[in-house]
Amino acid sequence: MRIFSPLAAATMTALLATSTVPPTYAQTRNTHDAKSAVSASDQQLMAEFAQANMAEVAVAQLAQSKSSNSQIRKFAQQMIDDHGKAFKDLSELAEEKQVKLPKEADAKHKEMLKKMNMLNGAEFDRQYTAKAGIEDHESAKKLVDRIANTAQDPQLKALGTKAQPIIDMHLKMAKELKP
């Protein structure tokens, strides 16, 4: 049996403390959890983006059933398709990052939807164009710009960047509508 001197024991301890050893499962898992952690500000951006997309889809579905203007119905279908896809992409990211998204639009958008539901004909088309088409897309443009420029999570930042030209196109299309 070999006995280590105090100097040898101290040297061995120092070497072990500074050596690189493969991480254990728990260390790997914790590193993964840290990578998937999303800051509070990014979670807020994700929630706002989710609510905006849900509201846009809901009011566009209403336009599909209420408008008799083919140009508005075509625009509404484009909103359902594009904002539905944006919401799906965001939902997948949120699931991956373990972020809970709101299940419904915020109070402001619910109120707008309620008011829009009471309108018919040309007045519905004018309000849909002005509110959901132009005002909401001006707000959405500011939101996706904030996401693209200030999000800390690179995947969220990429979603914002990807959405910017789409929102710009929607805003342009809305301004060209003739209700």
N, C-alpha and C. Protein backbone atom coordinates (compact mmCIF):
# COMPACT_ATOMS: atom_id res chain seq x y z
N MET A 1 0.84 -1.17 0.00
CA MET A 1 0.00 0.00 0.00
C MET A 1 0.89 1.23 0.00
N ARG A 2 0.52 2.17 -0.87
CA ARG A 2 1.33 3.36 -1.01
C ARG A 2 0.69 4.51 -0.25
N ILE A 3 1.44 5.28 0.45
CA ILE A 3 0.95 6.41 1.23
C ILE A 3 1.41 7.69 0.54
N PHE A 4 0.45 8.62 0.29
CA PHE A 4 0.76 9.89 -0.36
C PHE A 4 1.19 10.91 0.68
N SER A 5 2.15 11.69 0.33
CA SER A 5 2.59 12.77 1.22
C SER A 5 1.57 13.91 1.14
N PRO A 6 1.54 14.79 2.13
CA PRO A 6 0.63 15.93 2.08
C PRO A 6 0.84 16.76 0.81
N LEU A 7 2.07 16.90 0.34
CA LEU A 7 2.33 17.68 -0.87
C LEU A 7 1.72 16.99 -2.08
N ALA A 8 1.85 15.67 -2.17
CA ALA A 8 1.29 14.92 -3.29
C ALA A 8 -0.24 15.01 -3.27
N ALA A 9 -0.82 14.94 -2.08
CA ALA A 9 -2.28 15.04 -1.96
C ALA A 9 -2.76 16.41 -2.39
N ALA A 10 -2.04 17.46 -2.00
CA ALA A 10 -2.42 18.83 -2.37
C ALA A 10 -2.30 19.02 -3.88
N THR A 11 -1.26 18.47 -4.47
CA THR A 11 -1.06 18.58 -5.92
C THR A 11 -2.17 17.86 -6.66
N MET A 12 -2.52 16.65 -6.20
CA MET A 12 -3.59 15.87 -6.81
C MET A 12 -4.92 16.62 -6.73
N THR A 13 -5.22 17.22 -5.59
CA THR A 13 -6.45 17.98 -5.40
C THR A 13 -6.50 19.16 -6.36
N ALA A 14 -5.37 19.87 -6.50
CA ALA A 14 -5.31 21.03 -7.40
C ALA A 14 -5.52 20.59 -8.85
N LEU A 15 -4.91 19.49 -9.24
CA LEU A 15 -5.07 18.99 -10.60
C LEU A 15 -6.52 18.60 -10.89
N LEU A 16 -7.14 17.93 -9.95
CA LEU A 16 -8.54 17.53 -10.13
C LEU A 16 -9.47 18.74 -10.20
N ALA A 17 -9.17 19.75 -9.43
CA ALA A 17 -10.02 20.94 -9.41
C ALA A 17 -9.94 21.70 -10.71
N THR A 18 -8.79 21.64 -11.39
CA THR A 18 -8.62 22.42 -12.62
C THR A 18 -8.75 21.58 -13.88
N SER A 19 -8.88 20.29 -13.76
CA SER A 19 -8.96 19.45 -14.95
C SER A 19 -10.34 19.54 -15.57
N THR A 20 -10.38 19.24 -16.86
CA THR A 20 -11.65 19.22 -17.57
C THR A 20 -12.12 17.78 -17.63
N VAL A 21 -13.28 17.55 -17.08
CA VAL A 21 -13.85 16.21 -17.12
C VAL A 21 -15.17 16.30 -17.87
N PRO A 22 -15.55 15.22 -18.52
CA PRO A 22 -16.83 15.25 -19.22
C PRO A 22 -17.97 15.54 -18.24
N PRO A 23 -18.93 16.36 -18.66
CA PRO A 23 -20.04 16.69 -17.76
C PRO A 23 -20.94 15.48 -17.53
N THR A 24 -21.52 15.45 -16.37
CA THR A 24 -22.48 14.40 -16.06
C THR A 24 -23.80 14.75 -16.73
N TYR A 25 -24.74 13.83 -16.72
CA TYR A 25 -26.06 14.07 -17.30
C TYR A 25 -26.71 15.29 -16.66
N ALA A 26 -26.62 15.39 -15.34
CA ALA A 26 -27.24 16.51 -14.64
C ALA A 26 -26.62 17.83 -15.07
N GLN A 27 -25.29 17.85 -15.24
CA GLN A 27 -24.65 19.09 -15.68
C GLN A 27 -25.08 19.43 -17.10
N THR A 28 -25.17 18.46 -17.97
CA THR A 28 -25.60 18.70 -19.34
C THR A 28 -27.03 19.22 -19.36
N ARG A 29 -27.89 18.61 -18.59
CA ARG A 29 -29.29 19.02 -18.54
C ARG A 29 -29.41 20.45 -18.03
N ASN A 30 -28.66 20.79 -17.00
CA ASN A 30 -28.73 22.15 -16.46
C ASN A 30 -28.21 23.16 -17.47
N THR A 31 -27.19 22.80 -18.22
CA THR A 31 -26.69 23.70 -19.26
C THR A 31 -27.77 23.91 -20.31
N HIS A 32 -28.46 22.83 -20.70
CA HIS A 32 -29.54 22.95 -21.68
C HIS A 32 -30.65 23.83 -21.14
N ASP A 33 -31.01 23.65 -19.88
CA ASP A 33 -32.06 24.49 -19.29
C ASP A 33 -31.65 25.95 -19.30
N ALA A 34 -30.38 26.22 -19.03
CA ALA A 34 -29.91 27.60 -19.02
C ALA A 34 -30.00 28.19 -20.43
N LYS A 35 -29.69 27.39 -21.44
CA LYS A 35 -29.77 27.88 -22.82
C LYS A 35 -31.21 28.16 -23.21
N SER A 36 -32.16 27.40 -22.70
CA SER A 36 -33.55 27.59 -23.10
C SER A 36 -34.26 28.63 -22.24
N ALA A 37 -33.60 29.12 -21.20
CA ALA A 37 -34.21 30.15 -20.36
C ALA A 37 -34.39 31.41 -21.19
N VAL A 38 -35.55 32.01 -21.08
CA VAL A 38 -35.88 33.21 -21.84
C VAL A 38 -36.09 34.34 -20.84
N SER A 39 -35.49 35.48 -21.12
CA SER A 39 -35.60 36.62 -20.21
C SER A 39 -37.05 37.08 -20.09
N ALA A 40 -37.33 37.78 -19.02
CA ALA A 40 -38.69 38.30 -18.79
C ALA A 40 -39.09 39.25 -19.91
N SER A 41 -38.17 40.07 -20.39
CA SER A 41 -38.52 41.00 -21.46
C SER A 41 -38.81 40.25 -22.76
N ASP A 42 -38.09 39.18 -23.05
CA ASP A 42 -38.38 38.39 -24.24
C ASP A 42 -39.71 37.66 -24.09
N GLN A 43 -40.01 37.18 -22.89
CA GLN A 43 -41.31 36.53 -22.67
C GLN A 43 -42.44 37.52 -22.92
N GLN A 44 -42.25 38.76 -22.51
CA GLN A 44 -43.27 39.80 -22.73
C GLN A 44 -43.44 40.06 -24.23
N LEU A 45 -42.34 40.14 -24.95
CA LEU A 45 -42.41 40.32 -26.41
C LEU A 45 -43.14 39.16 -27.07
N MET A 46 -42.86 37.95 -26.60
CA MET A 46 -43.52 36.76 -27.15
C MET A 46 -45.02 36.82 -26.88
N ALA A 47 -45.40 37.24 -25.68
CA ALA A 47 -46.82 37.34 -25.34
C ALA A 47 -47.52 38.38 -26.22
N GLU A 48 -46.88 39.52 -26.40
CA GLU A 48 -47.47 40.58 -27.23
C GLU A 48 -47.61 40.11 -28.68
N PHE A 49 -46.60 39.42 -29.18
CA PHE A 49 -46.62 38.93 -30.55
C PHE A 49 -47.72 37.87 -30.72
N ALA A 50 -47.86 37.02 -29.74
CA ALA A 50 -48.91 36.00 -29.79
C ALA A 50 -50.29 36.66 -29.81
N GLN A 51 -50.51 37.63 -28.94
CA GLN A 51 -51.81 38.30 -28.87
C GLN A 51 -52.13 39.04 -30.16
N ALA A 52 -51.13 39.70 -30.72
CA ALA A 52 -51.33 40.43 -31.98
C ALA A 52 -51.70 39.47 -33.11
N ASN A 53 -51.02 38.34 -33.18
CA ASN A 53 -51.32 37.36 -34.23
C ASN A 53 -52.70 36.74 -34.04
N MET A 54 -53.05 36.39 -32.81
CA MET A 54 -54.38 35.81 -32.55
C MET A 54 -55.47 36.81 -32.92
N ALA A 55 -55.29 38.06 -32.54
CA ALA A 55 -56.29 39.09 -32.83
C ALA A 55 -56.44 39.28 -34.33
N GLU A 56 -55.32 39.31 -35.03
CA GLU A 56 -55.37 39.52 -36.48
C GLU A 56 -56.10 38.38 -37.17
N VAL A 57 -55.87 37.16 -36.74
CA VAL A 57 -56.56 36.01 -37.32
C VAL A 57 -58.06 36.08 -37.00
N ALA A 58 -58.40 36.41 -35.77
CA ALA A 58 -59.82 36.45 -35.37
C ALA A 58 -60.59 37.51 -36.16
N VAL A 59 -60.04 38.70 -36.28
CA VAL A 59 -60.77 39.76 -36.99
C VAL A 59 -60.80 39.47 -38.50
N ALA A 60 -59.76 38.82 -39.02
CA ALA A 60 -59.77 38.44 -40.43
C ALA A 60 -60.82 37.37 -40.71
N GLN A 61 -60.99 36.45 -39.76
CA GLN A 61 -62.06 35.45 -39.92
C GLN A 61 -63.43 36.12 -39.92
N LEU A 62 -63.57 37.14 -39.08
CA LEU A 62 -64.81 37.90 -39.06
C LEU A 62 -65.02 38.60 -40.41
N ALA A 63 -63.97 39.16 -40.96
CA ALA A 63 -64.06 39.83 -42.26
C ALA A 63 -64.44 38.83 -43.36
N GLN A 64 -63.95 37.62 -43.26
CA GLN A 64 -64.31 36.59 -44.24
C GLN A 64 -65.82 36.35 -44.24
N SER A 65 -66.43 36.42 -43.08
CA SER A 65 -67.87 36.15 -43.00
C SER A 65 -68.74 37.39 -43.19
N LYS A 66 -68.20 38.57 -42.91
CA LYS A 66 -69.02 39.79 -42.95
C LYS A 66 -68.86 40.64 -44.20
N SER A 67 -67.72 40.61 -44.82
CA SER A 67 -67.48 41.49 -45.96
C SER A 67 -67.99 40.87 -47.25
N SER A 68 -68.54 41.73 -48.09
CA SER A 68 -68.93 41.28 -49.42
C SER A 68 -67.94 41.82 -50.46
N ASN A 69 -66.94 42.56 -50.01
CA ASN A 69 -65.93 43.14 -50.87
C ASN A 69 -64.85 42.08 -51.11
N SER A 70 -64.69 41.67 -52.36
CA SER A 70 -63.75 40.58 -52.67
C SER A 70 -62.30 40.97 -52.35
N GLN A 71 -61.96 42.24 -52.51
CA GLN A 71 -60.61 42.70 -52.19
C GLN A 71 -60.34 42.56 -50.69
N ILE A 72 -61.31 42.89 -49.88
CA ILE A 72 -61.16 42.78 -48.43
C ILE A 72 -61.14 41.32 -48.00
N ARG A 73 -61.97 40.51 -48.62
CA ARG A 73 -61.96 39.08 -48.29
C ARG A 73 -60.62 38.43 -48.66
N LYS A 74 -60.05 38.84 -49.77
CA LYS A 74 -58.74 38.32 -50.18
C LYS A 74 -57.67 38.76 -49.19
N PHE A 75 -57.71 40.03 -48.80
CA PHE A 75 -56.77 40.54 -47.81
C PHE A 75 -56.93 39.77 -46.49
N ALA A 76 -58.17 39.57 -46.07
CA ALA A 76 -58.44 38.86 -44.82
C ALA A 76 -57.88 37.43 -44.86
N GLN A 77 -58.02 36.77 -46.00
CA GLN A 77 -57.47 35.41 -46.12
C GLN A 77 -55.96 35.42 -46.00
N GLN A 78 -55.33 36.44 -46.59
CA GLN A 78 -53.88 36.58 -46.48
C GLN A 78 -53.48 36.77 -45.01
N MET A 79 -54.28 37.53 -44.25
CA MET A 79 -53.99 37.76 -42.83
C MET A 79 -54.13 36.46 -42.03
N ILE A 80 -55.15 35.69 -42.35
CA ILE A 80 -55.35 34.40 -41.67
C ILE A 80 -54.15 33.50 -41.93
N ASP A 81 -53.74 33.43 -43.19
CA ASP A 81 -52.61 32.55 -43.55
C ASP A 81 -51.31 33.01 -42.90
N ASP A 82 -50.98 34.29 -43.07
CA ASP A 82 -49.68 34.78 -42.60
C ASP A 82 -49.60 34.88 -41.08
N HIS A 83 -50.64 35.42 -40.46
CA HIS A 83 -50.60 35.55 -38.99
C HIS A 83 -50.80 34.20 -38.31
N GLY A 84 -51.53 33.30 -38.98
CA GLY A 84 -51.64 31.94 -38.46
C GLY A 84 -50.30 31.24 -38.45
N LYS A 85 -49.53 31.42 -39.54
CA LYS A 85 -48.19 30.83 -39.61
C LYS A 85 -47.26 31.47 -38.59
N ALA A 86 -47.33 32.79 -38.45
CA ALA A 86 -46.48 33.47 -37.47
C ALA A 86 -46.78 32.97 -36.06
N PHE A 87 -48.07 32.78 -35.76
CA PHE A 87 -48.45 32.27 -34.44
C PHE A 87 -47.95 30.84 -34.25
N LYS A 88 -48.05 30.03 -35.29
CA LYS A 88 -47.57 28.64 -35.21
C LYS A 88 -46.06 28.62 -34.95
N ASP A 89 -45.31 29.43 -35.69
CA ASP A 89 -43.86 29.49 -35.50
C ASP A 89 -43.51 29.95 -34.09
N LEU A 90 -44.22 30.96 -33.61
CA LEU A 90 -43.99 31.47 -32.26
C LEU A 90 -44.35 30.41 -31.22
N SER A 91 -45.44 29.71 -31.43
CA SER A 91 -45.86 28.66 -30.49
C SER A 91 -44.83 27.55 -30.40
N GLU A 92 -44.26 27.18 -31.55
CA GLU A 92 -43.22 26.14 -31.54
C GLU A 92 -41.99 26.61 -30.77
N LEU A 93 -41.61 27.87 -30.97
CA LEU A 93 -40.47 28.41 -30.23
C LEU A 93 -40.78 28.46 -28.74
N ALA A 94 -41.97 28.90 -28.40
CA ALA A 94 -42.37 28.99 -26.99
C ALA A 94 -42.35 27.61 -26.34
N GLU A 95 -42.82 26.61 -27.06
CA GLU A 95 -42.81 25.24 -26.51
C GLU A 95 -41.38 24.77 -26.29
N GLU A 96 -40.53 25.02 -27.26
CA GLU A 96 -39.12 24.64 -27.15
C GLU A 96 -38.45 25.34 -25.96
N LYS A 97 -38.80 26.60 -25.75
CA LYS A 97 -38.19 27.40 -24.68
C LYS A 97 -38.96 27.30 -23.36
N GLN A 98 -40.04 26.53 -23.37
CA GLN A 98 -40.89 26.35 -22.19
C GLN A 98 -41.47 27.68 -21.69
N VAL A 99 -41.96 28.46 -22.63
CA VAL A 99 -42.62 29.74 -22.32
C VAL A 99 -44.10 29.57 -22.58
N LYS A 100 -44.91 29.95 -21.61
CA LYS A 100 -46.36 29.86 -21.77
C LYS A 100 -46.85 31.13 -22.47
N LEU A 101 -47.56 30.92 -23.57
CA LEU A 101 -48.14 32.05 -24.31
C LEU A 101 -49.58 32.25 -23.88
N PRO A 102 -50.09 33.48 -24.03
CA PRO A 102 -51.51 33.70 -23.73
C PRO A 102 -52.38 32.84 -24.65
N LYS A 103 -53.54 32.47 -24.16
CA LYS A 103 -54.45 31.62 -24.93
C LYS A 103 -55.43 32.44 -25.77
N GLU A 104 -55.50 33.74 -25.49
CA GLU A 104 -56.44 34.58 -26.23
C GLU A 104 -55.88 35.99 -26.36
N ALA A 105 -56.52 36.76 -27.21
CA ALA A 105 -56.10 38.15 -27.44
C ALA A 105 -56.30 38.98 -26.17
N ASP A 106 -55.60 40.09 -26.11
CA ASP A 106 -55.72 40.98 -24.96
C ASP A 106 -57.04 41.76 -24.99
N ALA A 107 -57.32 42.47 -23.92
CA ALA A 107 -58.60 43.19 -23.77
C ALA A 107 -58.82 44.20 -24.89
N LYS A 108 -57.77 44.90 -25.28
CA LYS A 108 -57.89 45.91 -26.35
C LYS A 108 -58.39 45.26 -27.65
N HIS A 109 -57.79 44.14 -28.01
CA HIS A 109 -58.17 43.47 -29.25
C HIS A 109 -59.55 42.80 -29.13
N LYS A 110 -59.87 42.31 -27.95
CA LYS A 110 -61.20 41.72 -27.76
C LYS A 110 -62.29 42.79 -27.93
N GLU A 111 -62.02 43.96 -27.39
CA GLU A 111 -62.98 45.06 -27.51
C GLU A 111 -63.15 45.47 -28.97
N MET A 112 -62.06 45.55 -29.70
CA MET A 112 -62.14 45.90 -31.12
C MET A 112 -62.93 44.85 -31.88
N LEU A 113 -62.69 43.59 -31.58
CA LEU A 113 -63.41 42.50 -32.24
C LEU A 113 -64.91 42.58 -31.93
N LYS A 114 -65.23 42.90 -30.69
CA LYS A 114 -66.64 43.04 -30.30
C LYS A 114 -67.31 44.17 -31.09
N LYS A 115 -66.62 45.30 -31.21
CA LYS A 115 -67.17 46.43 -31.98
C LYS A 115 -67.30 46.08 -33.46
N MET A 116 -66.29 45.40 -33.99
CA MET A 116 -66.33 45.02 -35.41
C MET A 116 -67.48 44.06 -35.68
N ASN A 117 -67.77 43.21 -34.73
CA ASN A 117 -68.84 42.23 -34.91
C ASN A 117 -70.21 42.89 -35.01
N MET A 118 -70.35 44.10 -34.48
CA MET A 118 -71.63 44.81 -34.53
C MET A 118 -71.82 45.57 -35.85
N LEU A 119 -70.78 45.67 -36.64
CA LEU A 119 -70.85 46.42 -37.90
C LEU A 119 -71.20 45.50 -39.07
N ASN A 120 -71.72 46.11 -40.11
CA ASN A 120 -72.07 45.37 -41.32
C ASN A 120 -71.76 46.21 -42.56
N GLY A 121 -71.70 45.53 -43.69
CA GLY A 121 -71.59 46.20 -44.98
C GLY A 121 -70.38 47.08 -45.12
N ALA A 122 -70.62 48.24 -45.77
CA ALA A 122 -69.54 49.17 -46.09
C ALA A 122 -68.88 49.71 -44.81
N GLU A 123 -69.67 49.91 -43.76
CA GLU A 123 -69.08 50.42 -42.51
C GLU A 123 -68.13 49.38 -41.91
N PHE A 124 -68.50 48.11 -41.97
CA PHE A 124 -67.58 47.07 -41.50
C PHE A 124 -66.28 47.13 -42.31
N ASP A 125 -66.41 47.19 -43.64
CA ASP A 125 -65.23 47.21 -44.50
C ASP A 125 -64.32 48.40 -44.20
N ARG A 126 -64.90 49.59 -43.99
CA ARG A 126 -64.11 50.78 -43.67
C ARG A 126 -63.38 50.60 -42.34
N GLN A 127 -64.09 50.11 -41.33
CA GLN A 127 -63.48 49.95 -40.01
C GLN A 127 -62.44 48.83 -40.01
N TYR A 128 -62.72 47.76 -40.71
CA TYR A 128 -61.75 46.66 -40.79
C TYR A 128 -60.46 47.16 -41.45
N THR A 129 -60.61 47.90 -42.53
CA THR A 129 -59.44 48.43 -43.22
C THR A 129 -58.65 49.38 -42.32
N ALA A 130 -59.36 50.30 -41.66
CA ALA A 130 -58.70 51.31 -40.82
C ALA A 130 -58.10 50.69 -39.56
N LYS A 131 -58.86 49.85 -38.88
CA LYS A 131 -58.41 49.32 -37.58
C LYS A 131 -57.47 48.12 -37.74
N ALA A 132 -58.00 47.04 -38.30
CA ALA A 132 -57.20 45.81 -38.41
C ALA A 132 -56.15 45.93 -39.51
N GLY A 133 -56.53 46.59 -40.58
CA GLY A 133 -55.60 46.70 -41.70
C GLY A 133 -54.46 47.67 -41.44
N ILE A 134 -54.78 48.90 -41.11
CA ILE A 134 -53.75 49.92 -40.99
C ILE A 134 -53.26 50.10 -39.55
N GLU A 135 -54.14 50.43 -38.62
CA GLU A 135 -53.70 50.69 -37.24
C GLU A 135 -53.00 49.50 -36.61
N ASP A 136 -53.60 48.33 -36.71
CA ASP A 136 -52.99 47.15 -36.09
C ASP A 136 -51.65 46.78 -36.74
N HIS A 137 -51.54 46.99 -38.05
CA HIS A 137 -50.27 46.67 -38.70
C HIS A 137 -49.21 47.74 -38.43
N GLU A 138 -49.61 48.97 -38.18
CA GLU A 138 -48.64 49.97 -37.73
C GLU A 138 -48.10 49.58 -36.35
N SER A 139 -48.99 49.12 -35.49
CA SER A 139 -48.56 48.64 -34.16
C SER A 139 -47.72 47.38 -34.29
N ALA A 140 -48.13 46.48 -35.15
CA ALA A 140 -47.38 45.23 -35.36
C ALA A 140 -45.98 45.52 -35.91
N LYS A 141 -45.88 46.51 -36.77
CA LYS A 141 -44.57 46.90 -37.31
C LYS A 141 -43.65 47.34 -36.17
N LYS A 142 -44.16 48.16 -35.27
CA LYS A 142 -43.36 48.60 -34.12
C LYS A 142 -42.97 47.41 -33.26
N LEU A 143 -43.89 46.48 -33.07
CA LEU A 143 -43.62 45.31 -32.24
C LEU A 143 -42.54 44.42 -32.87
N VAL A 144 -42.67 44.08 -34.15
CA VAL A 144 -41.66 43.20 -34.75
C VAL A 144 -40.31 43.90 -34.86
N ASP A 145 -40.32 45.22 -35.02
CA ASP A 145 -39.05 45.97 -35.00
C ASP A 145 -38.40 45.86 -33.62
N ARG A 146 -39.21 45.98 -32.56
CA ARG A 146 -38.69 45.83 -31.19
C ARG A 146 -38.13 44.43 -30.99
N ILE A 147 -38.85 43.43 -31.47
CA ILE A 147 -38.38 42.05 -31.33
C ILE A 147 -37.06 41.87 -32.08
N ALA A 148 -37.02 42.33 -33.32
CA ALA A 148 -35.81 42.16 -34.13
C ALA A 148 -34.61 42.91 -33.54
N ASN A 149 -34.87 44.05 -32.91
CA ASN A 149 -33.77 44.89 -32.43
C ASN A 149 -33.41 44.70 -30.96
N THR A 150 -34.35 44.22 -30.14
CA THR A 150 -34.06 44.17 -28.70
C THR A 150 -34.15 42.80 -28.07
N ALA A 151 -34.71 41.82 -28.77
CA ALA A 151 -34.82 40.48 -28.18
C ALA A 151 -33.43 39.94 -27.87
N GLN A 152 -33.32 39.30 -26.73
CA GLN A 152 -32.04 38.70 -26.33
C GLN A 152 -31.88 37.30 -26.92
N ASP A 153 -33.00 36.60 -27.04
CA ASP A 153 -32.97 35.24 -27.57
C ASP A 153 -32.77 35.30 -29.09
N PRO A 154 -31.76 34.64 -29.62
CA PRO A 154 -31.50 34.73 -31.06
C PRO A 154 -32.62 34.16 -31.93
N GLN A 155 -33.30 33.13 -31.45
CA GLN A 155 -34.40 32.56 -32.24
C GLN A 155 -35.60 33.51 -32.27
N LEU A 156 -35.87 34.17 -31.17
CA LEU A 156 -36.96 35.15 -31.14
C LEU A 156 -36.60 36.34 -32.02
N LYS A 157 -35.36 36.79 -31.93
CA LYS A 157 -34.88 37.89 -32.77
C LYS A 157 -35.06 37.53 -34.25
N ALA A 158 -34.75 36.29 -34.60
CA ALA A 158 -34.89 35.83 -35.99
C ALA A 158 -36.36 35.84 -36.42
N LEU A 159 -37.27 35.45 -35.52
CA LEU A 159 -38.70 35.51 -35.84
C LEU A 159 -39.14 36.95 -36.12
N GLY A 160 -38.67 37.88 -35.30
CA GLY A 160 -39.00 39.29 -35.52
C GLY A 160 -38.47 39.78 -36.86
N THR A 161 -37.24 39.41 -37.16
CA THR A 161 -36.62 39.82 -38.42
C THR A 161 -37.37 39.23 -39.61
N LYS A 162 -37.77 37.97 -39.48
CA LYS A 162 -38.52 37.29 -40.53
C LYS A 162 -39.89 37.96 -40.74
N ALA A 163 -40.50 38.44 -39.67
CA ALA A 163 -41.84 39.03 -39.75
C ALA A 163 -41.83 40.45 -40.31
N GLN A 164 -40.71 41.15 -40.21
CA GLN A 164 -40.67 42.56 -40.64
C GLN A 164 -41.15 42.78 -42.08
N PRO A 165 -40.61 42.10 -43.08
CA PRO A 165 -41.08 42.37 -44.45
C PRO A 165 -42.53 41.94 -44.68
N ILE A 166 -42.98 40.94 -43.94
CA ILE A 166 -44.37 40.48 -44.08
C ILE A 166 -45.32 41.54 -43.54
N ILE A 167 -45.00 42.08 -42.38
CA ILE A 167 -45.83 43.14 -41.80
C ILE A 167 -45.81 44.38 -42.69
N ASP A 168 -44.64 44.72 -43.22
CA ASP A 168 -44.54 45.85 -44.15
C ASP A 168 -45.45 45.64 -45.36
N MET A 169 -45.45 44.43 -45.89
CA MET A 169 -46.31 44.10 -47.03
C MET A 169 -47.78 44.22 -46.65
N HIS A 170 -48.15 43.72 -45.47
CA HIS A 170 -49.54 43.82 -45.01
C HIS A 170 -49.98 45.27 -44.89
N LEU A 171 -49.12 46.09 -44.33
CA LEU A 171 -49.44 47.51 -44.16
C LEU A 171 -49.64 48.17 -45.52
N LYS A 172 -48.77 47.86 -46.45
CA LYS A 172 -48.90 48.41 -47.81
C LYS A 172 -50.21 47.95 -48.44
N MET A 173 -50.50 46.67 -48.31
CA MET A 173 -51.75 46.12 -48.88
C MET A 173 -52.97 46.80 -48.25
N ALA A 174 -52.94 46.99 -46.95
CA ALA A 174 -54.09 47.60 -46.24
C ALA A 174 -54.32 49.03 -46.72
N LYS A 175 -53.24 49.75 -46.93
CA LYS A 175 -53.36 51.14 -47.39
C LYS A 175 -53.91 51.22 -48.82
N GLU A 176 -53.76 50.16 -49.57
CA GLU A 176 -54.25 50.12 -50.95
C GLU A 176 -55.69 49.60 -51.06
N LEU A 177 -56.24 49.10 -49.95
CA LEU A 177 -57.62 48.58 -49.98
C LEU A 177 -58.60 49.71 -50.28
N LYS A 178 -59.66 49.34 -51.00
CA LYS A 178 -60.73 50.30 -51.31
C LYS A 178 -62.03 49.76 -50.74
N PRO A 179 -62.31 50.11 -49.48
CA PRO A 179 -63.52 49.56 -48.84
C PRO A 179 -64.81 50.10 -49.44
